[in-house]
């Protein structure tokens, strides 16, 4: 039941993110990109399986961890995705601020007319 709920939330995040990214306003584009990255993080989290267990640490004196354990790979992937999306958002935000200073607009169609 929770996987179905997460699937709906992922779909809503992707749809909203893509809709905002297709708008002409760069601020909406940045918010859409953030929503898309949150949807990707939730997708990785859900695809890995929702399970409870112990961390994969081997106790002293044993040769294997106590079962059940939680897979740490999806958590590492999500952490990496969070760092990359933060860096990308910061870069796009700096690019947006600089282009707004130079051109005085945040409308992509008006920015496109300055190319000529």
N, C-alpha and C. Protein backbone atom coordinates (compact mmCIF):
# COMPACT_ATOMS: atom_id res chain seq x y z
N UNK A 1 0.83 -1.20 0.00
CA UNK A 1 0.00 0.00 0.00
C UNK A 1 0.87 1.26 0.00
N UNK A 2 1.97 1.25 0.76
CA UNK A 2 2.81 2.45 0.80
C UNK A 2 3.55 2.65 -0.52
N UNK A 3 3.90 1.54 -1.22
CA UNK A 3 4.55 1.69 -2.52
C UNK A 3 3.61 2.37 -3.52
N UNK A 4 2.32 2.03 -3.46
CA UNK A 4 1.34 2.66 -4.35
C UNK A 4 1.24 4.15 -4.06
N UNK A 5 1.21 4.51 -2.78
CA UNK A 5 1.16 5.92 -2.39
C UNK A 5 2.40 6.66 -2.87
N UNK A 6 3.58 6.05 -2.70
CA UNK A 6 4.81 6.68 -3.16
C UNK A 6 4.84 6.80 -4.68
N UNK A 7 4.27 5.82 -5.39
CA UNK A 7 4.21 5.90 -6.85
C UNK A 7 3.36 7.10 -7.28
N UNK A 8 2.25 7.32 -6.59
CA UNK A 8 1.40 8.49 -6.90
C UNK A 8 2.16 9.78 -6.62
N UNK A 9 2.84 9.85 -5.49
CA UNK A 9 3.60 11.05 -5.13
C UNK A 9 4.72 11.31 -6.14
N UNK A 10 5.40 10.24 -6.56
CA UNK A 10 6.47 10.39 -7.55
C UNK A 10 5.90 10.93 -8.86
N UNK A 11 4.77 10.39 -9.29
CA UNK A 11 4.13 10.87 -10.51
C UNK A 11 3.74 12.33 -10.42
N UNK A 12 3.21 12.73 -9.28
CA UNK A 12 2.82 14.13 -9.09
C UNK A 12 4.05 15.04 -9.09
N UNK A 13 5.13 14.60 -8.43
CA UNK A 13 6.35 15.40 -8.42
C UNK A 13 6.94 15.54 -9.82
N UNK A 14 6.98 14.44 -10.58
CA UNK A 14 7.49 14.51 -11.94
C UNK A 14 6.62 15.41 -12.82
N UNK A 15 5.30 15.22 -12.73
CA UNK A 15 4.39 16.01 -13.57
C UNK A 15 4.48 17.50 -13.24
N UNK A 16 4.49 17.82 -11.96
CA UNK A 16 4.58 19.23 -11.55
C UNK A 16 5.93 19.82 -11.94
N UNK A 17 7.00 19.04 -11.73
CA UNK A 17 8.33 19.52 -12.09
C UNK A 17 8.47 19.77 -13.58
N UNK A 18 7.97 18.84 -14.39
CA UNK A 18 8.06 19.03 -15.84
C UNK A 18 7.18 20.19 -16.31
N UNK A 19 6.01 20.34 -15.69
CA UNK A 19 5.14 21.47 -16.06
C UNK A 19 5.83 22.80 -15.74
N UNK A 20 6.43 22.89 -14.57
CA UNK A 20 7.10 24.14 -14.21
C UNK A 20 8.33 24.39 -15.07
N UNK A 21 9.00 23.33 -15.50
CA UNK A 21 10.18 23.51 -16.34
C UNK A 21 9.82 23.98 -17.74
N UNK A 22 8.58 23.76 -18.17
CA UNK A 22 8.16 24.21 -19.50
C UNK A 22 7.63 25.64 -19.49
N UNK A 23 7.53 26.26 -18.33
CA UNK A 23 7.08 27.65 -18.27
C UNK A 23 8.19 28.58 -18.77
N UNK A 24 7.82 29.79 -19.12
CA UNK A 24 8.78 30.75 -19.66
C UNK A 24 9.59 31.45 -18.58
N UNK A 25 9.20 31.34 -17.35
CA UNK A 25 9.86 32.02 -16.25
C UNK A 25 10.99 31.15 -15.71
N UNK A 26 12.17 31.75 -15.52
CA UNK A 26 13.31 30.96 -15.07
C UNK A 26 13.15 30.55 -13.60
N UNK A 27 12.51 31.37 -12.78
CA UNK A 27 12.30 31.00 -11.38
C UNK A 27 11.43 29.74 -11.29
N UNK A 28 10.42 29.65 -12.14
CA UNK A 28 9.59 28.44 -12.16
C UNK A 28 10.39 27.25 -12.68
N UNK A 29 11.30 27.50 -13.61
CA UNK A 29 12.16 26.44 -14.13
C UNK A 29 13.02 25.86 -13.00
N UNK A 30 13.57 26.72 -12.16
CA UNK A 30 14.42 26.27 -11.06
C UNK A 30 13.60 25.46 -10.06
N UNK A 31 12.39 25.92 -9.74
CA UNK A 31 11.52 25.16 -8.82
C UNK A 31 11.13 23.82 -9.43
N UNK A 32 10.86 23.78 -10.73
CA UNK A 32 10.53 22.53 -11.40
C UNK A 32 11.70 21.55 -11.38
N UNK A 33 12.90 22.06 -11.56
CA UNK A 33 14.08 21.21 -11.50
C UNK A 33 14.27 20.63 -10.10
N UNK A 34 13.99 21.42 -9.08
CA UNK A 34 14.09 20.92 -7.71
C UNK A 34 13.05 19.83 -7.44
N UNK A 35 11.82 20.05 -7.92
CA UNK A 35 10.78 19.02 -7.74
C UNK A 35 11.12 17.74 -8.49
N UNK A 36 11.70 17.88 -9.67
CA UNK A 36 12.10 16.71 -10.43
C UNK A 36 13.19 15.92 -9.72
N UNK A 37 14.13 16.61 -9.10
CA UNK A 37 15.19 15.91 -8.37
C UNK A 37 14.64 15.24 -7.12
N UNK A 38 13.66 15.87 -6.45
CA UNK A 38 13.04 15.21 -5.29
C UNK A 38 12.27 13.96 -5.71
N UNK A 39 11.62 14.03 -6.86
CA UNK A 39 10.92 12.86 -7.38
C UNK A 39 11.89 11.73 -7.70
N UNK A 40 13.05 12.06 -8.25
CA UNK A 40 14.06 11.04 -8.55
C UNK A 40 14.59 10.40 -7.28
N UNK A 41 14.80 11.20 -6.24
CA UNK A 41 15.26 10.65 -4.96
C UNK A 41 14.22 9.70 -4.37
N UNK A 42 12.98 10.10 -4.42
CA UNK A 42 11.91 9.24 -3.90
C UNK A 42 11.77 7.97 -4.73
N UNK A 43 12.01 8.07 -6.04
CA UNK A 43 11.95 6.90 -6.91
C UNK A 43 13.04 5.89 -6.54
N UNK A 44 14.25 6.37 -6.31
CA UNK A 44 15.34 5.47 -5.89
C UNK A 44 15.00 4.83 -4.55
N UNK A 45 14.48 5.62 -3.63
CA UNK A 45 14.12 5.12 -2.31
C UNK A 45 13.05 4.04 -2.40
N UNK A 46 12.05 4.26 -3.23
CA UNK A 46 10.94 3.30 -3.35
C UNK A 46 11.37 2.06 -4.13
N UNK A 47 12.16 2.24 -5.18
CA UNK A 47 12.59 1.10 -5.99
C UNK A 47 13.49 0.16 -5.20
N UNK A 48 14.20 0.69 -4.22
CA UNK A 48 15.08 -0.16 -3.40
C UNK A 48 14.29 -1.05 -2.46
N UNK A 49 13.05 -0.72 -2.24
CA UNK A 49 12.23 -1.52 -1.34
C UNK A 49 12.17 -0.89 0.04
N UNK A 50 10.96 -0.84 0.55
CA UNK A 50 10.77 -0.26 1.87
C UNK A 50 10.87 -1.38 2.90
N UNK A 51 11.97 -1.41 3.60
CA UNK A 51 12.16 -2.47 4.58
C UNK A 51 12.78 -1.89 5.84
N UNK A 52 12.52 -2.58 6.92
CA UNK A 52 13.13 -2.20 8.19
C UNK A 52 14.12 -3.28 8.57
N UNK A 53 15.15 -2.90 9.19
CA UNK A 53 16.17 -3.85 9.60
C UNK A 53 17.29 -3.14 10.31
N UNK A 54 18.32 -3.88 10.55
CA UNK A 54 19.47 -3.34 11.25
C UNK A 54 20.46 -2.77 10.25
N UNK A 55 21.35 -1.90 10.70
CA UNK A 55 22.40 -1.43 9.80
C UNK A 55 23.37 -2.58 9.52
N UNK A 56 24.01 -2.58 8.35
CA UNK A 56 24.90 -3.70 7.99
C UNK A 56 26.26 -3.61 8.68
N UNK A 57 26.24 -3.74 9.97
CA UNK A 57 27.47 -3.68 10.77
C UNK A 57 27.70 -5.06 11.38
N UNK A 58 28.92 -5.55 11.27
CA UNK A 58 29.26 -6.86 11.82
C UNK A 58 29.65 -6.68 13.28
N UNK A 59 28.94 -7.32 14.20
CA UNK A 59 29.29 -7.20 15.61
C UNK A 59 30.66 -7.84 15.90
N UNK A 60 31.24 -7.43 17.01
CA UNK A 60 32.55 -7.95 17.41
C UNK A 60 32.42 -9.44 17.72
N UNK A 61 33.32 -10.23 17.15
CA UNK A 61 33.32 -11.66 17.41
C UNK A 61 32.49 -12.47 16.43
N UNK A 62 31.83 -11.84 15.47
CA UNK A 62 31.05 -12.57 14.47
C UNK A 62 31.64 -12.33 13.08
N UNK A 63 31.24 -13.16 12.15
CA UNK A 63 31.77 -13.04 10.79
C UNK A 63 30.76 -12.47 9.80
N UNK A 64 29.51 -12.32 10.21
CA UNK A 64 28.47 -11.80 9.33
C UNK A 64 27.53 -10.91 10.14
N UNK A 65 26.88 -9.97 9.47
CA UNK A 65 25.93 -9.12 10.20
C UNK A 65 24.68 -9.91 10.61
N UNK A 66 24.01 -9.40 11.60
CA UNK A 66 22.77 -10.04 12.08
C UNK A 66 21.66 -9.71 11.09
N UNK A 67 20.98 -10.74 10.63
CA UNK A 67 19.91 -10.58 9.63
C UNK A 67 18.62 -10.25 10.34
N UNK A 68 17.72 -9.40 9.87
CA UNK A 68 17.69 -8.71 8.58
C UNK A 68 18.49 -7.41 8.61
N UNK A 69 19.12 -7.11 7.49
CA UNK A 69 19.87 -5.86 7.35
C UNK A 69 19.26 -5.02 6.25
N UNK A 70 19.54 -3.74 6.30
CA UNK A 70 19.07 -2.80 5.28
C UNK A 70 20.19 -2.55 4.29
N UNK A 71 19.85 -2.53 3.00
CA UNK A 71 20.83 -2.30 1.95
C UNK A 71 21.29 -0.85 1.98
N UNK A 72 22.59 -0.58 2.15
CA UNK A 72 23.06 0.82 2.23
C UNK A 72 23.27 1.48 0.87
N UNK A 73 23.24 0.72 -0.23
CA UNK A 73 23.52 1.30 -1.55
C UNK A 73 22.48 2.35 -1.96
N UNK A 74 21.16 2.08 -1.82
CA UNK A 74 20.20 3.13 -2.20
C UNK A 74 20.35 4.41 -1.36
N UNK A 75 20.71 4.26 -0.11
CA UNK A 75 20.90 5.44 0.73
C UNK A 75 22.09 6.25 0.24
N UNK A 76 23.16 5.57 -0.19
CA UNK A 76 24.33 6.27 -0.73
C UNK A 76 24.00 6.94 -2.05
N UNK A 77 23.19 6.26 -2.89
CA UNK A 77 22.78 6.87 -4.16
C UNK A 77 21.94 8.12 -3.95
N UNK A 78 21.03 8.05 -2.99
CA UNK A 78 20.18 9.21 -2.71
C UNK A 78 21.01 10.36 -2.15
N UNK A 79 21.95 10.06 -1.29
CA UNK A 79 22.81 11.12 -0.74
C UNK A 79 23.62 11.78 -1.85
N UNK A 80 24.15 10.97 -2.77
CA UNK A 80 24.89 11.52 -3.90
C UNK A 80 23.98 12.36 -4.79
N UNK A 81 22.75 11.88 -5.03
CA UNK A 81 21.81 12.64 -5.85
C UNK A 81 21.43 13.97 -5.20
N UNK A 82 21.30 13.99 -3.88
CA UNK A 82 20.98 15.23 -3.18
C UNK A 82 22.11 16.25 -3.35
N UNK A 83 23.35 15.80 -3.22
CA UNK A 83 24.49 16.70 -3.36
C UNK A 83 24.58 17.24 -4.79
N UNK A 84 24.39 16.36 -5.78
CA UNK A 84 24.46 16.79 -7.17
C UNK A 84 23.33 17.76 -7.50
N UNK A 85 22.11 17.47 -7.04
CA UNK A 85 20.99 18.37 -7.33
C UNK A 85 21.16 19.72 -6.63
N UNK A 86 21.74 19.73 -5.43
CA UNK A 86 22.00 20.99 -4.76
C UNK A 86 23.02 21.82 -5.53
N UNK A 87 24.08 21.17 -6.01
CA UNK A 87 25.10 21.90 -6.78
C UNK A 87 24.51 22.43 -8.08
N UNK A 88 23.70 21.61 -8.76
CA UNK A 88 23.08 22.04 -10.01
C UNK A 88 22.12 23.21 -9.77
N UNK A 89 21.34 23.13 -8.70
CA UNK A 89 20.41 24.21 -8.39
C UNK A 89 21.15 25.50 -8.04
N UNK A 90 22.24 25.39 -7.30
CA UNK A 90 23.04 26.57 -6.97
C UNK A 90 23.65 27.19 -8.22
N UNK A 91 24.13 26.36 -9.13
CA UNK A 91 24.70 26.88 -10.39
C UNK A 91 23.65 27.58 -11.22
N UNK A 92 22.47 26.96 -11.36
CA UNK A 92 21.41 27.56 -12.17
C UNK A 92 20.91 28.84 -11.51
N UNK A 93 20.85 28.87 -10.20
CA UNK A 93 20.43 30.09 -9.51
C UNK A 93 21.43 31.22 -9.73
N UNK A 94 22.72 30.92 -9.66
CA UNK A 94 23.74 31.94 -9.93
C UNK A 94 23.67 32.41 -11.38
N UNK A 95 23.45 31.48 -12.30
CA UNK A 95 23.30 31.84 -13.71
C UNK A 95 22.07 32.72 -13.92
N UNK A 96 20.97 32.39 -13.25
CA UNK A 96 19.75 33.19 -13.35
C UNK A 96 19.97 34.60 -12.81
N UNK A 97 20.61 34.71 -11.65
CA UNK A 97 20.84 36.04 -11.08
C UNK A 97 21.72 36.90 -11.98
N UNK A 98 22.76 36.30 -12.55
CA UNK A 98 23.64 37.05 -13.44
C UNK A 98 22.92 37.47 -14.71
N UNK A 99 22.14 36.57 -15.29
CA UNK A 99 21.41 36.94 -16.51
C UNK A 99 20.35 37.99 -16.23
N UNK A 100 19.76 37.96 -15.05
CA UNK A 100 18.78 38.98 -14.70
C UNK A 100 19.45 40.34 -14.52
N UNK A 101 20.67 40.36 -13.97
CA UNK A 101 21.40 41.61 -13.84
C UNK A 101 21.74 42.20 -15.21
N UNK A 102 22.15 41.35 -16.12
CA UNK A 102 22.58 41.83 -17.43
C UNK A 102 21.40 42.21 -18.31
N UNK A 103 20.38 41.35 -18.38
CA UNK A 103 19.27 41.55 -19.30
C UNK A 103 18.07 42.26 -18.69
N UNK A 104 17.91 42.18 -17.38
CA UNK A 104 16.80 42.84 -16.72
C UNK A 104 15.47 42.12 -16.86
N UNK A 105 15.47 40.85 -17.24
CA UNK A 105 14.23 40.09 -17.37
C UNK A 105 14.47 38.64 -17.00
N UNK A 106 13.38 37.96 -16.63
CA UNK A 106 13.49 36.53 -16.36
C UNK A 106 12.62 35.71 -17.31
N UNK A 107 12.13 36.37 -18.36
CA UNK A 107 11.32 35.70 -19.38
C UNK A 107 12.25 35.11 -20.44
N UNK A 108 12.12 33.82 -20.70
CA UNK A 108 13.04 33.16 -21.64
C UNK A 108 12.86 33.64 -23.07
N UNK A 109 11.65 34.00 -23.46
CA UNK A 109 11.45 34.51 -24.82
C UNK A 109 12.16 35.85 -25.03
N UNK A 110 12.12 36.70 -24.02
CA UNK A 110 12.82 37.99 -24.13
C UNK A 110 14.33 37.79 -24.11
N UNK A 111 14.79 36.77 -23.37
CA UNK A 111 16.23 36.47 -23.37
C UNK A 111 16.66 35.93 -24.73
N UNK A 112 15.80 35.17 -25.38
CA UNK A 112 16.13 34.60 -26.67
C UNK A 112 16.25 35.70 -27.73
N UNK A 113 15.52 36.78 -27.56
CA UNK A 113 15.59 37.87 -28.55
C UNK A 113 16.89 38.64 -28.46
N UNK A 114 17.64 38.51 -27.38
CA UNK A 114 18.93 39.19 -27.25
C UNK A 114 20.04 38.46 -27.99
N UNK A 115 19.78 37.25 -28.49
CA UNK A 115 20.80 36.49 -29.21
C UNK A 115 21.09 37.06 -30.59
N UNK A 116 20.16 37.80 -31.17
CA UNK A 116 20.29 38.28 -32.54
C UNK A 116 21.21 39.44 -32.68
